[in-house]
Amino acid sequence: DTALEGNCIYKILGSDKYVMIADQFR
């Protein structure tokens, strides 16, 4: 519910999940 930028997505090895991390710059 906050603005985001600087997103990075990567796979969790050995699974079907992808994690996205992002900067809550405000």
mmCIF file of all heavy atoms, coordinates in Angstrom:
data_MODEL
# 
_entry.id   MODEL 
# 
loop_
_atom_site.group_PDB 
_atom_site.id 
_atom_site.type_symbol 
_atom_site.label_atom_id 
_atom_site.label_alt_id 
_atom_site.label_comp_id 
_atom_site.label_asym_id 
_atom_site.label_entity_id 
_atom_site.label_seq_id 
_atom_site.pdbx_PDB_ins_code 
_atom_site.Cartn_x 
_atom_site.Cartn_y 
_atom_site.Cartn_z 
_atom_site.occupancy 
_atom_site.B_iso_or_equiv 
_atom_site.pdbx_formal_charge 
_atom_site.auth_seq_id 
_atom_site.auth_comp_id 
_atom_site.auth_asym_id 
_atom_site.auth_atom_id 
_atom_site.pdbx_PDB_model_num 
ATOM 1   N N   . ASP A 1 1  ? 0.826  -1.204  0.000   1.00 0.00 ? 1  ASP A N   1 
ATOM 2   C CA  . ASP A 1 1  ? 0.000  0.000   0.000   1.00 0.00 ? 1  ASP A CA  1 
ATOM 3   C C   . ASP A 1 1  ? 0.864  1.260   0.000   1.00 0.00 ? 1  ASP A C   1 
ATOM 4   O O   . ASP A 1 1  ? 0.382  2.359   0.250   1.00 0.00 ? 1  ASP A O   1 
ATOM 5   C CB  . ASP A 1 1  ? -0.971 0.007   1.189   1.00 0.00 ? 1  ASP A CB  1 
ATOM 6   C CG  . ASP A 1 1  ? -0.254 -0.114  2.534   1.00 0.00 ? 1  ASP A CG  1 
ATOM 7   O OD1 . ASP A 1 1  ? 0.994  -0.061  2.545   1.00 0.00 ? 1  ASP A OD1 1 
ATOM 8   O OD2 . ASP A 1 1  ? -0.944 -0.268  3.554   1.00 0.00 ? 1  ASP A OD2 1 
ATOM 9   N N   . THR A 1 2  ? 2.146  1.103   -0.298  1.00 0.00 ? 2  THR A N   1 
ATOM 10  C CA  . THR A 1 2  ? 3.078  2.215   -0.426  1.00 0.00 ? 2  THR A CA  1 
ATOM 11  C C   . THR A 1 2  ? 3.733  2.156   -1.803  1.00 0.00 ? 2  THR A C   1 
ATOM 12  O O   . THR A 1 2  ? 3.756  1.103   -2.454  1.00 0.00 ? 2  THR A O   1 
ATOM 13  C CB  . THR A 1 2  ? 4.175  2.169   0.649   1.00 0.00 ? 2  THR A CB  1 
ATOM 14  O OG1 . THR A 1 2  ? 4.855  0.902   0.567   1.00 0.00 ? 2  THR A OG1 1 
ATOM 15  C CG2 . THR A 1 2  ? 3.579  2.310   2.041   1.00 0.00 ? 2  THR A CG2 1 
ATOM 16  N N   . ALA A 1 3  ? 4.276  3.279   -2.251  1.00 0.00 ? 3  ALA A N   1 
ATOM 17  C CA  . ALA A 1 3  ? 4.962  3.333   -3.535  1.00 0.00 ? 3  ALA A CA  1 
ATOM 18  C C   . ALA A 1 3  ? 6.266  2.543   -3.472  1.00 0.00 ? 3  ALA A C   1 
ATOM 19  O O   . ALA A 1 3  ? 6.973  2.561   -2.460  1.00 0.00 ? 3  ALA A O   1 
ATOM 20  C CB  . ALA A 1 3  ? 5.232  4.782   -3.921  1.00 0.00 ? 3  ALA A CB  1 
ATOM 21  N N   . LEU A 1 4  ? 6.584  1.846   -4.560  1.00 0.00 ? 4  LEU A N   1 
ATOM 22  C CA  . LEU A 1 4  ? 7.778  1.012   -4.625  1.00 0.00 ? 4  LEU A CA  1 
ATOM 23  C C   . LEU A 1 4  ? 8.612  1.356   -5.845  1.00 0.00 ? 4  LEU A C   1 
ATOM 24  O O   . LEU A 1 4  ? 8.090  1.806   -6.866  1.00 0.00 ? 4  LEU A O   1 
ATOM 25  C CB  . LEU A 1 4  ? 7.400  -0.477  -4.700  1.00 0.00 ? 4  LEU A CB  1 
ATOM 26  C CG  . LEU A 1 4  ? 6.555  -1.077  -3.584  1.00 0.00 ? 4  LEU A CG  1 
ATOM 27  C CD1 . LEU A 1 4  ? 6.215  -2.527  -3.922  1.00 0.00 ? 4  LEU A CD1 1 
ATOM 28  C CD2 . LEU A 1 4  ? 7.266  -1.001  -2.246  1.00 0.00 ? 4  LEU A CD2 1 
ATOM 29  N N   . GLU A 1 5  ? 9.922  1.088   -5.749  1.00 0.00 ? 5  GLU A N   1 
ATOM 30  C CA  . GLU A 1 5  ? 10.826 1.152   -6.891  1.00 0.00 ? 5  GLU A CA  1 
ATOM 31  C C   . GLU A 1 5  ? 11.987 0.202   -6.601  1.00 0.00 ? 5  GLU A C   1 
ATOM 32  O O   . GLU A 1 5  ? 12.025 -0.469  -5.570  1.00 0.00 ? 5  GLU A O   1 
ATOM 33  C CB  . GLU A 1 5  ? 11.335 2.581   -7.122  1.00 0.00 ? 5  GLU A CB  1 
ATOM 34  C CG  . GLU A 1 5  ? 12.200 3.121   -5.998  1.00 0.00 ? 5  GLU A CG  1 
ATOM 35  C CD  . GLU A 1 5  ? 12.687 4.540   -6.261  1.00 0.00 ? 5  GLU A CD  1 
ATOM 36  O OE1 . GLU A 1 5  ? 12.087 5.238   -7.116  1.00 0.00 ? 5  GLU A OE1 1 
ATOM 37  O OE2 . GLU A 1 5  ? 13.661 4.951   -5.593  1.00 0.00 ? 5  GLU A OE2 1 
ATOM 38  N N   . GLY A 1 6  ? 12.948 0.148   -7.503  1.00 0.00 ? 6  GLY A N   1 
ATOM 39  C CA  . GLY A 1 6  ? 14.113 -0.705  -7.271  1.00 0.00 ? 6  GLY A CA  1 
ATOM 40  C C   . GLY A 1 6  ? 13.764 -2.168  -7.122  1.00 0.00 ? 6  GLY A C   1 
ATOM 41  O O   . GLY A 1 6  ? 14.331 -2.876  -6.287  1.00 0.00 ? 6  GLY A O   1 
ATOM 42  N N   . ASN A 1 7  ? 12.842 -2.659  -7.934  1.00 0.00 ? 7  ASN A N   1 
ATOM 43  C CA  . ASN A 1 7  ? 12.383 -4.036  -7.828  1.00 0.00 ? 7  ASN A CA  1 
ATOM 44  C C   . ASN A 1 7  ? 13.411 -5.022  -8.371  1.00 0.00 ? 7  ASN A C   1 
ATOM 45  O O   . ASN A 1 7  ? 14.127 -4.750  -9.331  1.00 0.00 ? 7  ASN A O   1 
ATOM 46  C CB  . ASN A 1 7  ? 11.062 -4.221  -8.569  1.00 0.00 ? 7  ASN A CB  1 
ATOM 47  C CG  . ASN A 1 7  ? 11.067 -3.582  -9.951  1.00 0.00 ? 7  ASN A CG  1 
ATOM 48  O OD1 . ASN A 1 7  ? 11.015 -2.356  -10.047 1.00 0.00 ? 7  ASN A OD1 1 
ATOM 49  N ND2 . ASN A 1 7  ? 11.131 -4.382  -10.992 1.00 0.00 ? 7  ASN A ND2 1 
ATOM 50  N N   . CYS A 1 8  ? 13.493 -6.169  -7.717  1.00 0.00 ? 8  CYS A N   1 
ATOM 51  C CA  . CYS A 1 8  ? 14.379 -7.262  -8.116  1.00 0.00 ? 8  CYS A CA  1 
ATOM 52  C C   . CYS A 1 8  ? 13.609 -8.565  -7.912  1.00 0.00 ? 8  CYS A C   1 
ATOM 53  O O   . CYS A 1 8  ? 13.077 -8.804  -6.826  1.00 0.00 ? 8  CYS A O   1 
ATOM 54  C CB  . CYS A 1 8  ? 15.649 -7.253  -7.264  1.00 0.00 ? 8  CYS A CB  1 
ATOM 55  S SG  . CYS A 1 8  ? 16.636 -8.771  -7.358  1.00 0.00 ? 8  CYS A SG  1 
ATOM 56  N N   . ILE A 1 9  ? 13.534 -9.394  -8.950  1.00 0.00 ? 9  ILE A N   1 
ATOM 57  C CA  . ILE A 1 9  ? 12.816 -10.663 -8.831  1.00 0.00 ? 9  ILE A CA  1 
ATOM 58  C C   . ILE A 1 9  ? 13.791 -11.820 -9.055  1.00 0.00 ? 9  ILE A C   1 
ATOM 59  O O   . ILE A 1 9  ? 14.686 -11.734 -9.895  1.00 0.00 ? 9  ILE A O   1 
ATOM 60  C CB  . ILE A 1 9  ? 11.628 -10.740 -9.822  1.00 0.00 ? 9  ILE A CB  1 
ATOM 61  C CG1 . ILE A 1 9  ? 10.735 -11.938 -9.494  1.00 0.00 ? 9  ILE A CG1 1 
ATOM 62  C CG2 . ILE A 1 9  ? 12.084 -10.744 -11.269 1.00 0.00 ? 9  ILE A CG2 1 
ATOM 63  C CD1 . ILE A 1 9  ? 9.357  -11.881 -10.126 1.00 0.00 ? 9  ILE A CD1 1 
ATOM 64  N N   . TYR A 1 10 ? 13.642 -12.870 -8.254  1.00 0.00 ? 10 TYR A N   1 
ATOM 65  C CA  . TYR A 1 10 ? 14.535 -14.015 -8.375  1.00 0.00 ? 10 TYR A CA  1 
ATOM 66  C C   . TYR A 1 10 ? 13.806 -15.275 -7.925  1.00 0.00 ? 10 TYR A C   1 
ATOM 67  O O   . TYR A 1 10 ? 12.852 -15.231 -7.142  1.00 0.00 ? 10 TYR A O   1 
ATOM 68  C CB  . TYR A 1 10 ? 15.808 -13.828 -7.558  1.00 0.00 ? 10 TYR A CB  1 
ATOM 69  C CG  . TYR A 1 10 ? 15.592 -13.612 -6.070  1.00 0.00 ? 10 TYR A CG  1 
ATOM 70  C CD1 . TYR A 1 10 ? 15.670 -14.679 -5.172  1.00 0.00 ? 10 TYR A CD1 1 
ATOM 71  C CD2 . TYR A 1 10 ? 15.299 -12.349 -5.577  1.00 0.00 ? 10 TYR A CD2 1 
ATOM 72  C CE1 . TYR A 1 10 ? 15.473 -14.479 -3.815  1.00 0.00 ? 10 TYR A CE1 1 
ATOM 73  C CE2 . TYR A 1 10 ? 15.108 -12.138 -4.220  1.00 0.00 ? 10 TYR A CE2 1 
ATOM 74  C CZ  . TYR A 1 10 ? 15.191 -13.208 -3.347  1.00 0.00 ? 10 TYR A CZ  1 
ATOM 75  O OH  . TYR A 1 10 ? 14.988 -13.004 -1.992  1.00 0.00 ? 10 TYR A OH  1 
ATOM 76  N N   . LYS A 1 11 ? 14.275 -16.415 -8.451  1.00 0.00 ? 11 LYS A N   1 
ATOM 77  C CA  . LYS A 1 11 ? 13.654 -17.704 -8.168  1.00 0.00 ? 11 LYS A CA  1 
ATOM 78  C C   . LYS A 1 11 ? 14.181 -18.278 -6.858  1.00 0.00 ? 11 LYS A C   1 
ATOM 79  O O   . LYS A 1 11 ? 15.377 -18.178 -6.565  1.00 0.00 ? 11 LYS A O   1 
ATOM 80  C CB  . LYS A 1 11 ? 13.931 -18.688 -9.300  1.00 0.00 ? 11 LYS A CB  1 
ATOM 81  C CG  . LYS A 1 11 ? 13.075 -19.952 -9.274  1.00 0.00 ? 11 LYS A CG  1 
ATOM 82  C CD  . LYS A 1 11 ? 13.357 -20.803 -10.514 1.00 0.00 ? 11 LYS A CD  1 
ATOM 83  C CE  . LYS A 1 11 ? 12.326 -21.902 -10.669 1.00 0.00 ? 11 LYS A CE  1 
ATOM 84  N NZ  . LYS A 1 11 ? 12.330 -22.873 -9.561  1.00 0.00 ? 11 LYS A NZ  1 
ATOM 85  N N   . ILE A 1 12 ? 13.286 -18.859 -6.078  1.00 0.00 ? 12 ILE A N   1 
ATOM 86  C CA  . ILE A 1 12 ? 13.698 -19.643 -4.916  1.00 0.00 ? 12 ILE A CA  1 
ATOM 87  C C   . ILE A 1 12 ? 14.078 -21.024 -5.430  1.00 0.00 ? 12 ILE A C   1 
ATOM 88  O O   . ILE A 1 12 ? 13.243 -21.763 -5.950  1.00 0.00 ? 12 ILE A O   1 
ATOM 89  C CB  . ILE A 1 12 ? 12.583 -19.722 -3.862  1.00 0.00 ? 12 ILE A CB  1 
ATOM 90  C CG1 . ILE A 1 12 ? 12.274 -18.326 -3.306  1.00 0.00 ? 12 ILE A CG1 1 
ATOM 91  C CG2 . ILE A 1 12 ? 12.976 -20.675 -2.738  1.00 0.00 ? 12 ILE A CG2 1 
ATOM 92  C CD1 . ILE A 1 12 ? 13.433 -17.653 -2.591  1.00 0.00 ? 12 ILE A CD1 1 
ATOM 93  N N   . LEU A 1 13 ? 15.354 -21.341 -5.322  1.00 0.00 ? 13 LEU A N   1 
ATOM 94  C CA  . LEU A 1 13 ? 15.878 -22.575 -5.905  1.00 0.00 ? 13 LEU A CA  1 
ATOM 95  C C   . LEU A 1 13 ? 15.170 -23.801 -5.349  1.00 0.00 ? 13 LEU A C   1 
ATOM 96  O O   . LEU A 1 13 ? 14.883 -23.872 -4.152  1.00 0.00 ? 13 LEU A O   1 
ATOM 97  C CB  . LEU A 1 13 ? 17.380 -22.659 -5.642  1.00 0.00 ? 13 LEU A CB  1 
ATOM 98  C CG  . LEU A 1 13 ? 18.197 -21.508 -6.246  1.00 0.00 ? 13 LEU A CG  1 
ATOM 99  C CD1 . LEU A 1 13 ? 19.624 -21.525 -5.713  1.00 0.00 ? 13 LEU A CD1 1 
ATOM 100 C CD2 . LEU A 1 13 ? 18.182 -21.578 -7.759  1.00 0.00 ? 13 LEU A CD2 1 
ATOM 101 N N   . GLY A 1 14 ? 14.873 -24.746 -6.219  1.00 0.00 ? 14 GLY A N   1 
ATOM 102 C CA  . GLY A 1 14 ? 14.206 -25.976 -5.807  1.00 0.00 ? 14 GLY A CA  1 
ATOM 103 C C   . GLY A 1 14 ? 12.717 -25.830 -5.598  1.00 0.00 ? 14 GLY A C   1 
ATOM 104 O O   . GLY A 1 14 ? 12.078 -26.728 -5.036  1.00 0.00 ? 14 GLY A O   1 
ATOM 105 N N   . SER A 1 15 ? 12.146 -24.707 -6.041  1.00 0.00 ? 15 SER A N   1 
ATOM 106 C CA  . SER A 1 15 ? 10.709 -24.485 -5.878  1.00 0.00 ? 15 SER A CA  1 
ATOM 107 C C   . SER A 1 15 ? 10.156 -23.820 -7.132  1.00 0.00 ? 15 SER A C   1 
ATOM 108 O O   . SER A 1 15 ? 10.900 -23.523 -8.077  1.00 0.00 ? 15 SER A O   1 
ATOM 109 C CB  . SER A 1 15 ? 10.434 -23.588 -4.662  1.00 0.00 ? 15 SER A CB  1 
ATOM 110 O OG  . SER A 1 15 ? 10.659 -22.227 -4.979  1.00 0.00 ? 15 SER A OG  1 
ATOM 111 N N   . ASP A 1 16 ? 8.855  -23.562 -7.128  1.00 0.00 ? 16 ASP A N   1 
ATOM 112 C CA  . ASP A 1 16 ? 8.240  -22.823 -8.242  1.00 0.00 ? 16 ASP A CA  1 
ATOM 113 C C   . ASP A 1 16 ? 7.953  -21.380 -7.851  1.00 0.00 ? 16 ASP A C   1 
ATOM 114 O O   . ASP A 1 16 ? 7.202  -20.681 -8.520  1.00 0.00 ? 16 ASP A O   1 
ATOM 115 C CB  . ASP A 1 16 ? 6.958  -23.516 -8.711  1.00 0.00 ? 16 ASP A CB  1 
ATOM 116 C CG  . ASP A 1 16 ? 5.908  -23.635 -7.608  1.00 0.00 ? 16 ASP A CG  1 
ATOM 117 O OD1 . ASP A 1 16 ? 6.202  -23.283 -6.436  1.00 0.00 ? 16 ASP A OD1 1 
ATOM 118 O OD2 . ASP A 1 16 ? 4.782  -24.076 -7.919  1.00 0.00 ? 16 ASP A OD2 1 
ATOM 119 N N   . LYS A 1 17 ? 8.561  -20.919 -6.773  1.00 0.00 ? 17 LYS A N   1 
ATOM 120 C CA  . LYS A 1 17 ? 8.307  -19.571 -6.268  1.00 0.00 ? 17 LYS A CA  1 
ATOM 121 C C   . LYS A 1 17 ? 9.332  -18.570 -6.803  1.00 0.00 ? 17 LYS A C   1 
ATOM 122 O O   . LYS A 1 17 ? 10.516 -18.884 -6.909  1.00 0.00 ? 17 LYS A O   1 
ATOM 123 C CB  . LYS A 1 17 ? 8.356  -19.558 -4.737  1.00 0.00 ? 17 LYS A CB  1 
ATOM 124 C CG  . LYS A 1 17 ? 7.267  -20.380 -4.069  1.00 0.00 ? 17 LYS A CG  1 
ATOM 125 C CD  . LYS A 1 17 ? 7.417  -20.330 -2.544  1.00 0.00 ? 17 LYS A CD  1 
ATOM 126 C CE  . LYS A 1 17 ? 6.350  -21.159 -1.854  1.00 0.00 ? 17 LYS A CE  1 
ATOM 127 N NZ  . LYS A 1 17 ? 6.526  -21.136 -0.371  1.00 0.00 ? 17 LYS A NZ  1 
ATOM 128 N N   . TYR A 1 18 ? 8.846  -17.384 -7.088  1.00 0.00 ? 18 TYR A N   1 
ATOM 129 C CA  . TYR A 1 18 ? 9.695  -16.240 -7.414  1.00 0.00 ? 18 TYR A CA  1 
ATOM 130 C C   . TYR A 1 18 ? 9.416  -15.151 -6.388  1.00 0.00 ? 18 TYR A C   1 
ATOM 131 O O   . TYR A 1 18 ? 8.258  -14.805 -6.134  1.00 0.00 ? 18 TYR A O   1 
ATOM 132 C CB  . TYR A 1 18 ? 9.400  -15.709 -8.814  1.00 0.00 ? 18 TYR A CB  1 
ATOM 133 C CG  . TYR A 1 18 ? 9.983  -16.562 -9.912  1.00 0.00 ? 18 TYR A CG  1 
ATOM 134 C CD1 . TYR A 1 18 ? 9.337  -17.743 -10.325 1.00 0.00 ? 18 TYR A CD1 1 
ATOM 135 C CD2 . TYR A 1 18 ? 11.174 -16.206 -10.541 1.00 0.00 ? 18 TYR A CD2 1 
ATOM 136 C CE1 . TYR A 1 18 ? 9.879  -18.530 -11.336 1.00 0.00 ? 18 TYR A CE1 1 
ATOM 137 C CE2 . TYR A 1 18 ? 11.716 -16.995 -11.549 1.00 0.00 ? 18 TYR A CE2 1 
ATOM 138 C CZ  . TYR A 1 18 ? 11.066 -18.138 -11.939 1.00 0.00 ? 18 TYR A CZ  1 
ATOM 139 O OH  . TYR A 1 18 ? 11.603 -18.923 -12.929 1.00 0.00 ? 18 TYR A OH  1 
ATOM 140 N N   . VAL A 1 19 ? 10.479 -14.630 -5.815  1.00 0.00 ? 19 VAL A N   1 
ATOM 141 C CA  . VAL A 1 19 ? 10.377 -13.560 -4.824  1.00 0.00 ? 19 VAL A CA  1 
ATOM 142 C C   . VAL A 1 19 ? 10.707 -12.229 -5.497  1.00 0.00 ? 19 VAL A C   1 
ATOM 143 O O   . VAL A 1 19 ? 11.664 -12.137 -6.271  1.00 0.00 ? 19 VAL A O   1 
ATOM 144 C CB  . VAL A 1 19 ? 11.340 -13.808 -3.639  1.00 0.00 ? 19 VAL A CB  1 
ATOM 145 C CG1 . VAL A 1 19 ? 11.492 -12.551 -2.782  1.00 0.00 ? 19 VAL A CG1 1 
ATOM 146 C CG2 . VAL A 1 19 ? 10.843 -14.963 -2.788  1.00 0.00 ? 19 VAL A CG2 1 
ATOM 147 N N   . MET A 1 20 ? 9.913  -11.213 -5.193  1.00 0.00 ? 20 MET A N   1 
ATOM 148 C CA  . MET A 1 20 ? 10.223 -9.854  -5.623  1.00 0.00 ? 20 MET A CA  1 
ATOM 149 C C   . MET A 1 20 ? 10.485 -9.005  -4.390  1.00 0.00 ? 20 MET A C   1 
ATOM 150 O O   . MET A 1 20 ? 9.668  -8.964  -3.466  1.00 0.00 ? 20 MET A O   1 
ATOM 151 C CB  . MET A 1 20 ? 9.082  -9.234  -6.427  1.00 0.00 ? 20 MET A CB  1 
ATOM 152 C CG  . MET A 1 20 ? 9.370  -7.787  -6.853  1.00 0.00 ? 20 MET A CG  1 
ATOM 153 S SD  . MET A 1 20 ? 7.977  -7.000  -7.712  1.00 0.00 ? 20 MET A SD  1 
ATOM 154 C CE  . MET A 1 20 ? 8.058  -7.844  -9.303  1.00 0.00 ? 20 MET A CE  1 
ATOM 155 N N   . ILE A 1 21 ? 11.653 -8.349  -4.365  1.00 0.00 ? 21 ILE A N   1 
ATOM 156 C CA  . ILE A 1 21 ? 11.962 -7.398  -3.313  1.00 0.00 ? 21 ILE A CA  1 
ATOM 157 C C   . ILE A 1 21 ? 11.978 -6.009  -3.937  1.00 0.00 ? 21 ILE A C   1 
ATOM 158 O O   . ILE A 1 21 ? 12.390 -5.841  -5.091  1.00 0.00 ? 21 ILE A O   1 
ATOM 159 C CB  . ILE A 1 21 ? 13.307 -7.717  -2.622  1.00 0.00 ? 21 ILE A CB  1 
ATOM 160 C CG1 . ILE A 1 21 ? 14.460 -7.767  -3.640  1.00 0.00 ? 21 ILE A CG1 1 
ATOM 161 C CG2 . ILE A 1 21 ? 13.221 -9.046  -1.878  1.00 0.00 ? 21 ILE A CG2 1 
ATOM 162 C CD1 . ILE A 1 21 ? 15.814 -8.033  -3.030  1.00 0.00 ? 21 ILE A CD1 1 
ATOM 163 N N   . ALA A 1 22 ? 11.516 -5.008  -3.186  1.00 0.00 ? 22 ALA A N   1 
ATOM 164 C CA  . ALA A 1 22 ? 11.438 -3.661  -3.744  1.00 0.00 ? 22 ALA A CA  1 
ATOM 165 C C   . ALA A 1 22 ? 11.595 -2.634  -2.632  1.00 0.00 ? 22 ALA A C   1 
ATOM 166 O O   . ALA A 1 22 ? 11.255 -2.873  -1.470  1.00 0.00 ? 22 ALA A O   1 
ATOM 167 C CB  . ALA A 1 22 ? 10.112 -3.460  -4.474  1.00 0.00 ? 22 ALA A CB  1 
ATOM 168 N N   . ASP A 1 23 ? 12.108 -1.491  -3.010  1.00 0.00 ? 23 ASP A N   1 
ATOM 169 C CA  . ASP A 1 23 ? 12.429 -0.400  -2.099  1.00 0.00 ? 23 ASP A CA  1 
ATOM 170 C C   . ASP A 1 23 ? 11.182 0.462   -1.855  1.00 0.00 ? 23 ASP A C   1 
ATOM 171 O O   . ASP A 1 23 ? 10.611 1.002   -2.799  1.00 0.00 ? 23 ASP A O   1 
ATOM 172 C CB  . ASP A 1 23 ? 13.545 0.433   -2.747  1.00 0.00 ? 23 ASP A CB  1 
ATOM 173 C CG  . ASP A 1 23 ? 14.090 1.532   -1.846  1.00 0.00 ? 23 ASP A CG  1 
ATOM 174 O OD1 . ASP A 1 23 ? 13.503 1.782   -0.784  1.00 0.00 ? 23 ASP A OD1 1 
ATOM 175 O OD2 . ASP A 1 23 ? 15.108 2.144   -2.230  1.00 0.00 ? 23 ASP A OD2 1 
ATOM 176 N N   . GLN A 1 24 ? 10.778 0.556   -0.589  1.00 0.00 ? 24 GLN A N   1 
ATOM 177 C CA  . GLN A 1 24 ? 9.716  1.496   -0.216  1.00 0.00 ? 24 GLN A CA  1 
ATOM 178 C C   . GLN A 1 24 ? 10.368 2.877   -0.047  1.00 0.00 ? 24 GLN A C   1 
ATOM 179 O O   . GLN A 1 24 ? 10.645 3.312   1.065   1.00 0.00 ? 24 GLN A O   1 
ATOM 180 C CB  . GLN A 1 24 ? 9.030  1.043   1.077   1.00 0.00 ? 24 GLN A CB  1 
ATOM 181 C CG  . GLN A 1 24 ? 8.357  -0.310  0.953   1.00 0.00 ? 24 GLN A CG  1 
ATOM 182 C CD  . GLN A 1 24 ? 7.653  -0.742  2.235   1.00 0.00 ? 24 GLN A CD  1 
ATOM 183 O OE1 . GLN A 1 24 ? 6.446  -0.904  2.280   1.00 0.00 ? 24 GLN A OE1 1 
ATOM 184 N NE2 . GLN A 1 24 ? 8.428  -0.933  3.286   1.00 0.00 ? 24 GLN A NE2 1 
ATOM 185 N N   . PHE A 1 25 ? 10.612 3.537   -1.169  1.00 0.00 ? 25 PHE A N   1 
ATOM 186 C CA  . PHE A 1 25 ? 11.492 4.708   -1.174  1.00 0.00 ? 25 PHE A CA  1 
ATOM 187 C C   . PHE A 1 25 ? 10.915 5.895   -0.416  1.00 0.00 ? 25 PHE A C   1 
ATOM 188 O O   . PHE A 1 25 ? 11.655 6.792   -0.007  1.00 0.00 ? 25 PHE A O   1 
ATOM 189 C CB  . PHE A 1 25 ? 11.835 5.109   -2.614  1.00 0.00 ? 25 PHE A CB  1 
ATOM 190 C CG  . PHE A 1 25 ? 10.659 5.511   -3.462  1.00 0.00 ? 25 PHE A CG  1 
ATOM 191 C CD1 . PHE A 1 25 ? 10.355 6.842   -3.648  1.00 0.00 ? 25 PHE A CD1 1 
ATOM 192 C CD2 . PHE A 1 25 ? 9.873  4.546   -4.079  1.00 0.00 ? 25 PHE A CD2 1 
ATOM 193 C CE1 . PHE A 1 25 ? 9.281  7.223   -4.440  1.00 0.00 ? 25 PHE A CE1 1 
ATOM 194 C CE2 . PHE A 1 25 ? 8.797  4.911   -4.874  1.00 0.00 ? 25 PHE A CE2 1 
ATOM 195 C CZ  . PHE A 1 25 ? 8.497  6.256   -5.048  1.00 0.00 ? 25 PHE A CZ  1 
ATOM 196 N N   . ARG A 1 26 ? 9.604  5.930   -0.176  1.00 0.00 ? 26 ARG A N   1 
ATOM 197 C CA  . ARG A 1 26 ? 9.014  6.997   0.627   1.00 0.00 ? 26 ARG A CA  1 
ATOM 198 C C   . ARG A 1 26 ? 8.825  6.558   2.079   1.00 0.00 ? 26 ARG A C   1 
ATOM 199 O O   . ARG A 1 26 ? 9.158  7.298   3.004   1.00 0.00 ? 26 ARG A O   1 
ATOM 200 C CB  . ARG A 1 26 ? 7.669  7.422   0.044   1.00 0.00 ? 26 ARG A CB  1 
ATOM 201 C CG  . ARG A 1 26 ? 7.789  8.170   -1.275  1.00 0.00 ? 26 ARG A CG  1 
ATOM 202 C CD  . ARG A 1 26 ? 6.444  8.607   -1.782  1.00 0.00 ? 26 ARG A CD  1 
ATOM 203 N NE  . ARG A 1 26 ? 6.563  9.221   -3.105  1.00 0.00 ? 26 ARG A NE  1 
ATOM 204 C CZ  . ARG A 1 26 ? 5.607  9.221   -4.004  1.00 0.00 ? 26 ARG A CZ  1 
ATOM 205 N NH1 . ARG A 1 26 ? 4.436  8.641   -3.739  1.00 0.00 ? 26 ARG A NH1 1 
ATOM 206 N NH2 . ARG A 1 26 ? 5.777  9.802   -5.186  1.00 0.00 ? 26 ARG A NH2 1 
# 
